């Protein structure tokens, strides 16, 4: 929900939300699997 200042959190300066595509999710999952190779599924 909007912050007390009336701005939505996605409008904070310097950083922004992005829409995660299936490719991004797959890449992040791959990074996790590399760090914890015993977890495959």
ModelCIF file with pLDDT and N, C-alpha, C, O atoms, coordinates in Angstrom:
data_MODEL
#
_entry.id   MODEL 
#
_entity.id                         1 
_entity.type                       polymer 
_entity.pdbx_number_of_molecules   1 
#
_entity_poly.entity_id                      1 
_entity_poly.type                           'polypeptide(L)' 
_entity_poly.nstd_linkage                   no 
_entity_poly.nstd_monomer                   no 
_entity_poly.pdbx_seq_one_letter_code       
;(UNK)(UNK)(UNK)(UNK)(UNK)(UNK)(UNK)(UNK)(UNK)(UNK)(UNK)(UNK)(UNK)(UNK)(UNK)(UNK)
(UNK)(UNK)(UNK)(UNK)(UNK)(UNK)(UNK)(UNK)(UNK)(UNK)(UNK)(UNK)(UNK)(UNK)(UNK)(UNK)
(UNK)(UNK)(UNK)(UNK)(UNK)(UNK)(UNK)(UNK)(UNK)
;
_entity_poly.pdbx_seq_one_letter_code_can   XXXXXXXXXXXXXXXXXXXXXXXXXXXXXXXXXXXXXXXXX 
_entity_poly.pdbx_strand_id                 A 
#
loop_
_entity_poly_seq.entity_id 
_entity_poly_seq.num 
_entity_poly_seq.mon_id 
_entity_poly_seq.hetero 
1 1  UNK n 
1 2  UNK n 
1 3  UNK n 
1 4  UNK n 
1 5  UNK n 
1 6  UNK n 
1 7  UNK n 
1 8  UNK n 
1 9  UNK n 
1 10 UNK n 
1 11 UNK n 
1 12 UNK n 
1 13 UNK n 
1 14 UNK n 
1 15 UNK n 
1 16 UNK n 
1 17 UNK n 
1 18 UNK n 
1 19 UNK n 
1 20 UNK n 
1 21 UNK n 
1 22 UNK n 
1 23 UNK n 
1 24 UNK n 
1 25 UNK n 
1 26 UNK n 
1 27 UNK n 
1 28 UNK n 
1 29 UNK n 
1 30 UNK n 
1 31 UNK n 
1 32 UNK n 
1 33 UNK n 
1 34 UNK n 
1 35 UNK n 
1 36 UNK n 
1 37 UNK n 
1 38 UNK n 
1 39 UNK n 
1 40 UNK n 
1 41 UNK n 
#
_struct_asym.id          A 
_struct_asym.entity_id   1 
#
loop_
_ma_qa_metric.id 
_ma_qa_metric.mode 
_ma_qa_metric.name 
_ma_qa_metric.software_group_id 
_ma_qa_metric.type 
1 global pLDDT . pLDDT 
2 local  pLDDT . pLDDT 
#
_ma_qa_metric_global.metric_id      1 
_ma_qa_metric_global.metric_value   75.39 
_ma_qa_metric_global.model_id       1 
_ma_qa_metric_global.ordinal_id     1 
#
loop_
_ma_qa_metric_local.label_asym_id 
_ma_qa_metric_local.label_comp_id 
_ma_qa_metric_local.label_seq_id 
_ma_qa_metric_local.metric_id 
_ma_qa_metric_local.metric_value 
_ma_qa_metric_local.model_id 
_ma_qa_metric_local.ordinal_id 
A UNK 1  2 33.00 1 1  
A UNK 2  2 34.00 1 2  
A UNK 3  2 30.00 1 3  
A UNK 4  2 30.00 1 4  
A UNK 5  2 30.00 1 5  
A UNK 6  2 34.00 1 6  
A UNK 7  2 35.00 1 7  
A UNK 8  2 40.00 1 8  
A UNK 9  2 42.00 1 9  
A UNK 10 2 46.00 1 10 
A UNK 11 2 44.00 1 11 
A UNK 12 2 49.00 1 12 
A UNK 13 2 61.00 1 13 
A UNK 14 2 79.00 1 14 
A UNK 15 2 91.00 1 15 
A UNK 16 2 91.00 1 16 
A UNK 17 2 91.00 1 17 
A UNK 18 2 94.00 1 18 
A UNK 19 2 94.00 1 19 
A UNK 20 2 95.00 1 20 
A UNK 21 2 96.00 1 21 
A UNK 22 2 96.00 1 22 
A UNK 23 2 96.00 1 23 
A UNK 24 2 97.00 1 24 
A UNK 25 2 97.00 1 25 
A UNK 26 2 97.00 1 26 
A UNK 27 2 97.00 1 27 
A UNK 28 2 97.00 1 28 
A UNK 29 2 95.00 1 29 
A UNK 30 2 95.00 1 30 
A UNK 31 2 96.00 1 31 
A UNK 32 2 93.00 1 32 
A UNK 33 2 92.00 1 33 
A UNK 34 2 93.00 1 34 
A UNK 35 2 90.00 1 35 
A UNK 36 2 86.00 1 36 
A UNK 37 2 86.00 1 37 
A UNK 38 2 86.00 1 38 
A UNK 39 2 86.00 1 39 
A UNK 40 2 87.00 1 40 
A UNK 41 2 90.00 1 41 
#
loop_
_atom_site.group_PDB 
_atom_site.id 
_atom_site.type_symbol 
_atom_site.label_atom_id 
_atom_site.label_alt_id 
_atom_site.label_comp_id 
_atom_site.label_asym_id 
_atom_site.label_entity_id 
_atom_site.label_seq_id 
_atom_site.pdbx_PDB_ins_code 
_atom_site.Cartn_x 
_atom_site.Cartn_y 
_atom_site.Cartn_z 
_atom_site.occupancy 
_atom_site.B_iso_or_equiv 
_atom_site.pdbx_formal_charge 
_atom_site.auth_seq_id 
_atom_site.auth_comp_id 
_atom_site.auth_asym_id 
_atom_site.auth_atom_id 
_atom_site.pdbx_PDB_model_num 
ATOM 1   N N  . UNK A 1 1  ? 0.827  -1.200  0.000   1.00 33.00 ? 1  UNK A N  1 
ATOM 2   C CA . UNK A 1 1  ? 0.000  0.000   0.000   1.00 33.00 ? 1  UNK A CA 1 
ATOM 3   C C  . UNK A 1 1  ? 0.865  1.255   0.000   1.00 33.00 ? 1  UNK A C  1 
ATOM 4   O O  . UNK A 1 1  ? 2.050  1.179   0.325   1.00 33.00 ? 1  UNK A O  1 
ATOM 5   N N  . UNK A 1 2  ? 0.295  2.421   -0.360  1.00 34.00 ? 2  UNK A N  1 
ATOM 6   C CA . UNK A 1 2  ? 1.063  3.657   -0.385  1.00 34.00 ? 2  UNK A CA 1 
ATOM 7   C C  . UNK A 1 2  ? 1.654  3.974   0.981   1.00 34.00 ? 2  UNK A C  1 
ATOM 8   O O  . UNK A 1 2  ? 1.107  3.614   2.023   1.00 34.00 ? 2  UNK A O  1 
ATOM 9   N N  . UNK A 1 3  ? 2.787  4.660   0.939   1.00 30.00 ? 3  UNK A N  1 
ATOM 10  C CA . UNK A 1 3  ? 3.448  5.062   2.174   1.00 30.00 ? 3  UNK A CA 1 
ATOM 11  C C  . UNK A 1 3  ? 2.705  6.230   2.805   1.00 30.00 ? 3  UNK A C  1 
ATOM 12  O O  . UNK A 1 3  ? 1.770  6.770   2.213   1.00 30.00 ? 3  UNK A O  1 
ATOM 13  N N  . UNK A 1 4  ? 3.123  6.620   4.013   1.00 30.00 ? 4  UNK A N  1 
ATOM 14  C CA . UNK A 1 4  ? 2.482  7.728   4.712   1.00 30.00 ? 4  UNK A CA 1 
ATOM 15  C C  . UNK A 1 4  ? 2.617  9.039   3.948   1.00 30.00 ? 4  UNK A C  1 
ATOM 16  O O  . UNK A 1 4  ? 1.799  9.941   4.127   1.00 30.00 ? 4  UNK A O  1 
ATOM 17  N N  . UNK A 1 5  ? 3.635  9.158   3.100   1.00 30.00 ? 5  UNK A N  1 
ATOM 18  C CA . UNK A 1 5  ? 3.815  10.392  2.338   1.00 30.00 ? 5  UNK A CA 1 
ATOM 19  C C  . UNK A 1 5  ? 2.882  10.467  1.144   1.00 30.00 ? 5  UNK A C  1 
ATOM 20  O O  . UNK A 1 5  ? 2.817  11.495  0.470   1.00 30.00 ? 5  UNK A O  1 
ATOM 21  N N  . UNK A 1 6  ? 2.156  9.382   0.874   1.00 34.00 ? 6  UNK A N  1 
ATOM 22  C CA . UNK A 1 6  ? 1.252  9.373   -0.268  1.00 34.00 ? 6  UNK A CA 1 
ATOM 23  C C  . UNK A 1 6  ? 1.878  8.815   -1.523  1.00 34.00 ? 6  UNK A C  1 
ATOM 24  O O  . UNK A 1 6  ? 1.172  8.560   -2.499  1.00 34.00 ? 6  UNK A O  1 
ATOM 25  N N  . UNK A 1 7  ? 3.195  8.615   -1.526  1.00 35.00 ? 7  UNK A N  1 
ATOM 26  C CA . UNK A 1 7  ? 3.851  8.013   -2.687  1.00 35.00 ? 7  UNK A CA 1 
ATOM 27  C C  . UNK A 1 7  ? 3.764  6.506   -2.560  1.00 35.00 ? 7  UNK A C  1 
ATOM 28  O O  . UNK A 1 7  ? 3.852  5.966   -1.458  1.00 35.00 ? 7  UNK A O  1 
ATOM 29  N N  . UNK A 1 8  ? 3.593  5.832   -3.671  1.00 40.00 ? 8  UNK A N  1 
ATOM 30  C CA . UNK A 1 8  ? 3.627  4.377   -3.603  1.00 40.00 ? 8  UNK A CA 1 
ATOM 31  C C  . UNK A 1 8  ? 5.081  3.957   -3.458  1.00 40.00 ? 8  UNK A C  1 
ATOM 32  O O  . UNK A 1 8  ? 5.971  4.662   -3.933  1.00 40.00 ? 8  UNK A O  1 
ATOM 33  N N  . UNK A 1 9  ? 5.345  2.819   -2.810  1.00 42.00 ? 9  UNK A N  1 
ATOM 34  C CA . UNK A 1 9  ? 6.728  2.384   -2.628  1.00 42.00 ? 9  UNK A CA 1 
ATOM 35  C C  . UNK A 1 9  ? 7.491  2.229   -3.934  1.00 42.00 ? 9  UNK A C  1 
ATOM 36  O O  . UNK A 1 9  ? 8.711  2.396   -3.938  1.00 42.00 ? 9  UNK A O  1 
ATOM 37  N N  . UNK A 1 10 ? 6.832  1.918   -5.035  1.00 46.00 ? 10 UNK A N  1 
ATOM 38  C CA . UNK A 1 10 ? 7.545  1.753   -6.295  1.00 46.00 ? 10 UNK A CA 1 
ATOM 39  C C  . UNK A 1 10 ? 8.059  3.079   -6.845  1.00 46.00 ? 10 UNK A C  1 
ATOM 40  O O  . UNK A 1 10 ? 8.820  3.076   -7.812  1.00 46.00 ? 10 UNK A O  1 
ATOM 41  N N  . UNK A 1 11 ? 7.670  4.215   -6.261  1.00 44.00 ? 11 UNK A N  1 
ATOM 42  C CA . UNK A 1 11 ? 8.141  5.495   -6.770  1.00 44.00 ? 11 UNK A CA 1 
ATOM 43  C C  . UNK A 1 11 ? 9.323  6.036   -5.984  1.00 44.00 ? 11 UNK A C  1 
ATOM 44  O O  . UNK A 1 11 ? 9.728  7.176   -6.212  1.00 44.00 ? 11 UNK A O  1 
ATOM 45  N N  . UNK A 1 12 ? 9.890  5.261   -5.067  1.00 49.00 ? 12 UNK A N  1 
ATOM 46  C CA . UNK A 1 12 ? 11.030 5.723   -4.306  1.00 49.00 ? 12 UNK A CA 1 
ATOM 47  C C  . UNK A 1 12 ? 12.211 5.960   -5.238  1.00 49.00 ? 12 UNK A C  1 
ATOM 48  O O  . UNK A 1 12 ? 12.414 5.191   -6.178  1.00 49.00 ? 12 UNK A O  1 
ATOM 49  N N  . UNK A 1 13 ? 12.994 7.011   -4.997  1.00 61.00 ? 13 UNK A N  1 
ATOM 50  C CA . UNK A 1 13 ? 14.106 7.325   -5.895  1.00 61.00 ? 13 UNK A CA 1 
ATOM 51  C C  . UNK A 1 13 ? 15.225 6.281   -5.815  1.00 61.00 ? 13 UNK A C  1 
ATOM 52  O O  . UNK A 1 13 ? 15.448 5.672   -4.768  1.00 61.00 ? 13 UNK A O  1 
ATOM 53  N N  . UNK A 1 14 ? 15.923 6.086   -6.937  1.00 79.00 ? 14 UNK A N  1 
ATOM 54  C CA . UNK A 1 14 ? 17.103 5.243   -6.977  1.00 79.00 ? 14 UNK A CA 1 
ATOM 55  C C  . UNK A 1 14 ? 16.878 3.782   -7.287  1.00 79.00 ? 14 UNK A C  1 
ATOM 56  O O  . UNK A 1 14 ? 17.755 3.144   -7.869  1.00 79.00 ? 14 UNK A O  1 
ATOM 57  N N  . UNK A 1 15 ? 15.758 3.237   -6.929  1.00 91.00 ? 15 UNK A N  1 
ATOM 58  C CA . UNK A 1 15 ? 15.469 1.826   -7.163  1.00 91.00 ? 15 UNK A CA 1 
ATOM 59  C C  . UNK A 1 15 ? 14.065 1.700   -7.728  1.00 91.00 ? 15 UNK A C  1 
ATOM 60  O O  . UNK A 1 15 ? 13.214 2.568   -7.532  1.00 91.00 ? 15 UNK A O  1 
ATOM 61  N N  . UNK A 1 16 ? 13.842 0.589   -8.441  1.00 91.00 ? 16 UNK A N  1 
ATOM 62  C CA . UNK A 1 16 ? 12.506 0.392   -9.005  1.00 91.00 ? 16 UNK A CA 1 
ATOM 63  C C  . UNK A 1 16 ? 12.173 -1.082  -9.094  1.00 91.00 ? 16 UNK A C  1 
ATOM 64  O O  . UNK A 1 16 ? 13.051 -1.928  -9.262  1.00 91.00 ? 16 UNK A O  1 
ATOM 65  N N  . UNK A 1 17 ? 10.905 -1.369  -8.978  1.00 91.00 ? 17 UNK A N  1 
ATOM 66  C CA . UNK A 1 17 ? 10.399 -2.716  -9.203  1.00 91.00 ? 17 UNK A CA 1 
ATOM 67  C C  . UNK A 1 17 ? 10.464 -3.022  -10.683 1.00 91.00 ? 17 UNK A C  1 
ATOM 68  O O  . UNK A 1 17 ? 10.316 -2.130  -11.518 1.00 91.00 ? 17 UNK A O  1 
ATOM 69  N N  . UNK A 1 18 ? 10.684 -4.271  -11.002 1.00 94.00 ? 18 UNK A N  1 
ATOM 70  C CA . UNK A 1 18 ? 10.634 -4.748  -12.375 1.00 94.00 ? 18 UNK A CA 1 
ATOM 71  C C  . UNK A 1 18 ? 9.708  -5.961  -12.409 1.00 94.00 ? 18 UNK A C  1 
ATOM 72  O O  . UNK A 1 18 ? 9.494  -6.621  -11.392 1.00 94.00 ? 18 UNK A O  1 
ATOM 73  N N  . UNK A 1 19 ? 9.172  -6.243  -13.574 1.00 94.00 ? 19 UNK A N  1 
ATOM 74  C CA . UNK A 1 19 ? 8.349  -7.429  -13.742 1.00 94.00 ? 19 UNK A CA 1 
ATOM 75  C C  . UNK A 1 19 ? 9.266  -8.615  -14.011 1.00 94.00 ? 19 UNK A C  1 
ATOM 76  O O  . UNK A 1 19 ? 10.072 -8.585  -14.941 1.00 94.00 ? 19 UNK A O  1 
ATOM 77  N N  . UNK A 1 20 ? 9.145  -9.640  -13.209 1.00 95.00 ? 20 UNK A N  1 
ATOM 78  C CA . UNK A 1 20 ? 9.994  -10.825 -13.351 1.00 95.00 ? 20 UNK A CA 1 
ATOM 79  C C  . UNK A 1 20 ? 9.445  -11.729 -14.447 1.00 95.00 ? 20 UNK A C  1 
ATOM 80  O O  . UNK A 1 20 ? 8.312  -12.203 -14.370 1.00 95.00 ? 20 UNK A O  1 
ATOM 81  N N  . UNK A 1 21 ? 10.249 -11.956 -15.450 1.00 96.00 ? 21 UNK A N  1 
ATOM 82  C CA . UNK A 1 21 ? 9.880  -12.878 -16.525 1.00 96.00 ? 21 UNK A CA 1 
ATOM 83  C C  . UNK A 1 21 ? 10.221 -14.307 -16.106 1.00 96.00 ? 21 UNK A C  1 
ATOM 84  O O  . UNK A 1 21 ? 10.922 -14.520 -15.116 1.00 96.00 ? 21 UNK A O  1 
ATOM 85  N N  . UNK A 1 22 ? 9.728  -15.268 -16.854 1.00 96.00 ? 22 UNK A N  1 
ATOM 86  C CA . UNK A 1 22 ? 10.093 -16.664 -16.598 1.00 96.00 ? 22 UNK A CA 1 
ATOM 87  C C  . UNK A 1 22 ? 11.595 -16.867 -16.739 1.00 96.00 ? 22 UNK A C  1 
ATOM 88  O O  . UNK A 1 22 ? 12.177 -17.683 -16.024 1.00 96.00 ? 22 UNK A O  1 
ATOM 89  N N  . UNK A 1 23 ? 12.230 -16.139 -17.649 1.00 96.00 ? 23 UNK A N  1 
ATOM 90  C CA . UNK A 1 23 ? 13.678 -16.247 -17.840 1.00 96.00 ? 23 UNK A CA 1 
ATOM 91  C C  . UNK A 1 23 ? 14.415 -15.767 -16.588 1.00 96.00 ? 23 UNK A C  1 
ATOM 92  O O  . UNK A 1 23 ? 15.362 -16.417 -16.146 1.00 96.00 ? 23 UNK A O  1 
ATOM 93  N N  . UNK A 1 24 ? 13.998 -14.652 -16.018 1.00 97.00 ? 24 UNK A N  1 
ATOM 94  C CA . UNK A 1 24 ? 14.627 -14.144 -14.799 1.00 97.00 ? 24 UNK A CA 1 
ATOM 95  C C  . UNK A 1 24 ? 14.464 -15.150 -13.669 1.00 97.00 ? 24 UNK A C  1 
ATOM 96  O O  . UNK A 1 24 ? 15.417 -15.431 -12.942 1.00 97.00 ? 24 UNK A O  1 
ATOM 97  N N  . UNK A 1 25 ? 13.271 -15.689 -13.520 1.00 97.00 ? 25 UNK A N  1 
ATOM 98  C CA . UNK A 1 25 ? 13.029 -16.683 -12.468 1.00 97.00 ? 25 UNK A CA 1 
ATOM 99  C C  . UNK A 1 25 ? 13.913 -17.913 -12.666 1.00 97.00 ? 25 UNK A C  1 
ATOM 100 O O  . UNK A 1 25 ? 14.444 -18.460 -11.700 1.00 97.00 ? 25 UNK A O  1 
ATOM 101 N N  . UNK A 1 26 ? 14.069 -18.347 -13.910 1.00 97.00 ? 26 UNK A N  1 
ATOM 102 C CA . UNK A 1 26 ? 14.917 -19.504 -14.203 1.00 97.00 ? 26 UNK A CA 1 
ATOM 103 C C  . UNK A 1 26 ? 16.384 -19.197 -13.894 1.00 97.00 ? 26 UNK A C  1 
ATOM 104 O O  . UNK A 1 26 ? 17.095 -20.046 -13.357 1.00 97.00 ? 26 UNK A O  1 
ATOM 105 N N  . UNK A 1 27 ? 16.837 -17.994 -14.228 1.00 97.00 ? 27 UNK A N  1 
ATOM 106 C CA . UNK A 1 27 ? 18.225 -17.612 -13.957 1.00 97.00 ? 27 UNK A CA 1 
ATOM 107 C C  . UNK A 1 27 ? 18.488 -17.542 -12.457 1.00 97.00 ? 27 UNK A C  1 
ATOM 108 O O  . UNK A 1 27 ? 19.538 -17.989 -11.996 1.00 97.00 ? 27 UNK A O  1 
ATOM 109 N N  . UNK A 1 28 ? 17.555 -16.989 -11.694 1.00 97.00 ? 28 UNK A N  1 
ATOM 110 C CA . UNK A 1 28 ? 17.699 -16.903 -10.237 1.00 97.00 ? 28 UNK A CA 1 
ATOM 111 C C  . UNK A 1 28 ? 17.668 -18.312 -9.632  1.00 97.00 ? 28 UNK A C  1 
ATOM 112 O O  . UNK A 1 28 ? 18.457 -18.622 -8.740  1.00 97.00 ? 28 UNK A O  1 
ATOM 113 N N  . UNK A 1 29 ? 16.773 -19.149 -10.110 1.00 95.00 ? 29 UNK A N  1 
ATOM 114 C CA . UNK A 1 29 ? 16.712 -20.527 -9.630  1.00 95.00 ? 29 UNK A CA 1 
ATOM 115 C C  . UNK A 1 29 ? 18.032 -21.247 -9.925  1.00 95.00 ? 29 UNK A C  1 
ATOM 116 O O  . UNK A 1 29 ? 18.527 -22.005 -9.091  1.00 95.00 ? 29 UNK A O  1 
ATOM 117 N N  . UNK A 1 30 ? 18.592 -21.011 -11.097 1.00 95.00 ? 30 UNK A N  1 
ATOM 118 C CA . UNK A 1 30 ? 19.891 -21.603 -11.444 1.00 95.00 ? 30 UNK A CA 1 
ATOM 119 C C  . UNK A 1 30 ? 20.992 -21.149 -10.503 1.00 95.00 ? 30 UNK A C  1 
ATOM 120 O O  . UNK A 1 30 ? 21.848 -21.946 -10.118 1.00 95.00 ? 30 UNK A O  1 
ATOM 121 N N  . UNK A 1 31 ? 20.980 -19.879 -10.129 1.00 96.00 ? 31 UNK A N  1 
ATOM 122 C CA . UNK A 1 31 ? 21.982 -19.370 -9.185  1.00 96.00 ? 31 UNK A CA 1 
ATOM 123 C C  . UNK A 1 31 ? 21.845 -20.052 -7.832  1.00 96.00 ? 31 UNK A C  1 
ATOM 124 O O  . UNK A 1 31 ? 22.843 -20.361 -7.182  1.00 96.00 ? 31 UNK A O  1 
ATOM 125 N N  . UNK A 1 32 ? 20.610 -20.284 -7.411  1.00 93.00 ? 32 UNK A N  1 
ATOM 126 C CA . UNK A 1 32 ? 20.399 -20.964 -6.142  1.00 93.00 ? 32 UNK A CA 1 
ATOM 127 C C  . UNK A 1 32 ? 20.873 -22.415 -6.214  1.00 93.00 ? 32 UNK A C  1 
ATOM 128 O O  . UNK A 1 32 ? 21.510 -22.913 -5.286  1.00 93.00 ? 32 UNK A O  1 
ATOM 129 N N  . UNK A 1 33 ? 20.562 -23.079 -7.305  1.00 92.00 ? 33 UNK A N  1 
ATOM 130 C CA . UNK A 1 33 ? 20.986 -24.476 -7.477  1.00 92.00 ? 33 UNK A CA 1 
ATOM 131 C C  . UNK A 1 33 ? 22.510 -24.593 -7.507  1.00 92.00 ? 33 UNK A C  1 
ATOM 132 O O  . UNK A 1 33 ? 23.055 -25.580 -7.014  1.00 92.00 ? 33 UNK A O  1 
ATOM 133 N N  . UNK A 1 34 ? 23.202 -23.613 -8.071  1.00 93.00 ? 34 UNK A N  1 
ATOM 134 C CA . UNK A 1 34 ? 24.670 -23.640 -8.066  1.00 93.00 ? 34 UNK A CA 1 
ATOM 135 C C  . UNK A 1 34 ? 25.208 -23.517 -6.641  1.00 93.00 ? 34 UNK A C  1 
ATOM 136 O O  . UNK A 1 34 ? 26.228 -24.118 -6.302  1.00 93.00 ? 34 UNK A O  1 
ATOM 137 N N  . UNK A 1 35 ? 24.520 -22.738 -5.813  1.00 90.00 ? 35 UNK A N  1 
ATOM 138 C CA . UNK A 1 35 ? 24.958 -22.550 -4.430  1.00 90.00 ? 35 UNK A CA 1 
ATOM 139 C C  . UNK A 1 35 ? 24.586 -23.723 -3.538  1.00 90.00 ? 35 UNK A C  1 
ATOM 140 O O  . UNK A 1 35 ? 25.272 -23.996 -2.553  1.00 90.00 ? 35 UNK A O  1 
ATOM 141 N N  . UNK A 1 36 ? 23.500 -24.422 -3.875  1.00 86.00 ? 36 UNK A N  1 
ATOM 142 C CA . UNK A 1 36 ? 23.009 -25.568 -3.104  1.00 86.00 ? 36 UNK A CA 1 
ATOM 143 C C  . UNK A 1 36 ? 22.748 -26.729 -4.063  1.00 86.00 ? 36 UNK A C  1 
ATOM 144 O O  . UNK A 1 36 ? 21.594 -27.069 -4.324  1.00 86.00 ? 36 UNK A O  1 
ATOM 145 N N  . UNK A 1 37 ? 23.809 -27.338 -4.589  1.00 86.00 ? 37 UNK A N  1 
ATOM 146 C CA . UNK A 1 37 ? 23.642 -28.329 -5.662  1.00 86.00 ? 37 UNK A CA 1 
ATOM 147 C C  . UNK A 1 37 ? 22.846 -29.571 -5.270  1.00 86.00 ? 37 UNK A C  1 
ATOM 148 O O  . UNK A 1 37 ? 22.399 -30.301 -6.154  1.00 86.00 ? 37 UNK A O  1 
ATOM 149 N N  . UNK A 1 38 ? 22.656 -29.835 -3.994  1.00 86.00 ? 38 UNK A N  1 
ATOM 150 C CA . UNK A 1 38 ? 21.862 -31.013 -3.605  1.00 86.00 ? 38 UNK A CA 1 
ATOM 151 C C  . UNK A 1 38 ? 20.366 -30.775 -3.827  1.00 86.00 ? 38 UNK A C  1 
ATOM 152 O O  . UNK A 1 38 ? 19.580 -31.722 -3.803  1.00 86.00 ? 38 UNK A O  1 
ATOM 153 N N  . UNK A 1 39 ? 19.969 -29.513 -4.044  1.00 86.00 ? 39 UNK A N  1 
ATOM 154 C CA . UNK A 1 39 ? 18.559 -29.185 -4.287  1.00 86.00 ? 39 UNK A CA 1 
ATOM 155 C C  . UNK A 1 39 ? 18.359 -28.962 -5.785  1.00 86.00 ? 39 UNK A C  1 
ATOM 156 O O  . UNK A 1 39 ? 18.751 -27.929 -6.326  1.00 86.00 ? 39 UNK A O  1 
ATOM 157 N N  . UNK A 1 40 ? 17.751 -29.931 -6.438  1.00 87.00 ? 40 UNK A N  1 
ATOM 158 C CA . UNK A 1 40 ? 17.595 -29.903 -7.891  1.00 87.00 ? 40 UNK A CA 1 
ATOM 159 C C  . UNK A 1 40 ? 16.157 -29.602 -8.300  1.00 87.00 ? 40 UNK A C  1 
ATOM 160 O O  . UNK A 1 40 ? 15.923 -28.802 -9.206  1.00 87.00 ? 40 UNK A O  1 
ATOM 161 N N  . UNK A 1 41 ? 15.202 -30.234 -7.642  1.00 90.00 ? 41 UNK A N  1 
ATOM 162 C CA . UNK A 1 41 ? 13.796 -30.128 -8.016  1.00 90.00 ? 41 UNK A CA 1 
ATOM 163 C C  . UNK A 1 41 ? 13.127 -29.022 -7.193  1.00 90.00 ? 41 UNK A C  1 
ATOM 164 O O  . UNK A 1 41 ? 11.933 -28.768 -7.355  1.00 90.00 ? 41 UNK A O  1 
#
